[in-house]
């Protein structure tokens, strides 16, 4: 199967057309793009916002399509963001504003956004250093926090037909105490794969992301590589988030008329061996996720998406090392295939929506169904296998007419045992980390985010969430930990969201970011995290103050 896949990928570029790489997932960057669609008061054809990452070519086309409209880029900060986006993807916009007046050593930073570049008809190349240097203080630790990241980011095109992207970084860090607490329960480093200890209490890890990109036709493109995906319009995703580590994927996307169709095959890690002393060497068991989503613009203001995903593995007790080729069919109902083959695979279905009701307001949401029976749902008997999640949210930009003041409100709830399975090959996880919400299941969460850009280069973000979680007790599975065998569920009936050991979590993150030059930021951050529970381990109060300087990399966040 692997040999056929390599041959398939080798032959396809011959049919390629002009294409574009992605803008890497970045919370602040993507907020600016979504902000202008909300401000326009309509869904736009250039970008389907429920499927992330966005392509650079589409971002430029989207920004240019709105630039001629009145009432969009009205403030100095909005004009700055418009130029920033075009400069960041200048191979598609060609702005004169991106040329440096005094390049470094006459060869470097000839473009403000690139350390080095090549721009000729047959070859386009962008090379940029990456670094993140941070320090801070945690109220529960005697030693100082720090982050030390050095790396490189490379992207480009060959003949305007083949696109490529590579990101490599070496990282050492001493993380906040609450992150370390999480690692005591589950000895993996959040967002990352293989790691080892650094000095007494630090972590050391390497990150590699990269892919190739090509078009099959005017409306169909493919990507093959190792990176993250995010599905949805919210701060969280109950479908597919960027919380777990980058993973191998083969992505096919069709965008035609008012429809966007995504089919993606991901190879993920079914289990990760190690301890609080670091990851263990050896071959980790693998599993796969086949995912497809169709997103349709209905009228000028409403978008509806339907999705289905299946987690499966050749190594489970039924398949016995035989890869199920049925799941490679991009236009079929996975649940039917699972039932026909009698497999132990885990199918999840659901929907998402976005309604840009009027200018400056957008409503969005998701529903995820892992398993349910209507008879039990009607009876309201709390049957353990009625497993589902729901999200509702609101985005309001230029609040009360104040330019560049945006607010986002969101509610998420997931019932006990959702995303779990009775084998390690079926849980909705990757490298022992949730594919969807970082809290797993059995919780209710309320999120509020306030963003302000008072001057072009300064961004202020106040982020808060409050969650009520039902934790497990020793030897008892109440449905929060998606890695546990769900056959060990505590009760068949009478299950409720938040059952088990009560844990209320209040998290506040205040961040000020100033852009010194293109993609060079200085961040000042203050975090307050209060966790209350009758169990001492979950009863903590943490305050974190930090300062960071970063170049060509998104802010680090551990929002759980």
Foldseek 3Di string as FASTA:
>chain_A
DVVVVVVVVVPQLVLFDQFFDFDADFVVLLVLQVQLCLQVLWDDQLDDSQWDDDTLLSSLVSLVVCPPPPRRQDDQQSVLSSVLSCLLSVVNVVDPVQADPDADVVAASRGQNARHWDDDQFKTKGKDKWWKWKWWDKPVDPDIKIKTKTWMWMWMDGNSFKIKIKIKIKMKIQDHPVQLLVCQVPVDRKQAFFWAADPPRMIIDMDMWMWMKTANDPFKIKIWIWGAIGGWDDPFFQPFHSGHYTWTKIWMWGRDDFKIKIWMKTKFFLEWDDHNRTTDDDDTFIKMKIKMKMWGRDPTFKIKMKMKMKIGHCVDPQNVNPDDCVSVPRPDDVVVVCVVSVHQMWMKIWMKMWGSPGRQKIKIKIKIFRDDDVVCVVVVFAFVNRWMKMKIKMKGACPPVNHQKIKMKMKIATFFLPQAAQDSRHRCDGNQAHRGDRQAHLKIKIKMKIWGDPHNFKIKIKIKMKMKHADADVPAGLRRRRNDRCVRHDDRTDRDRNPHWIKMKIKIKIKMWGAPGSQWIKIWIKMWIAIDTPDPSRGDTMIMTMIMIIGPDHDDDDDD
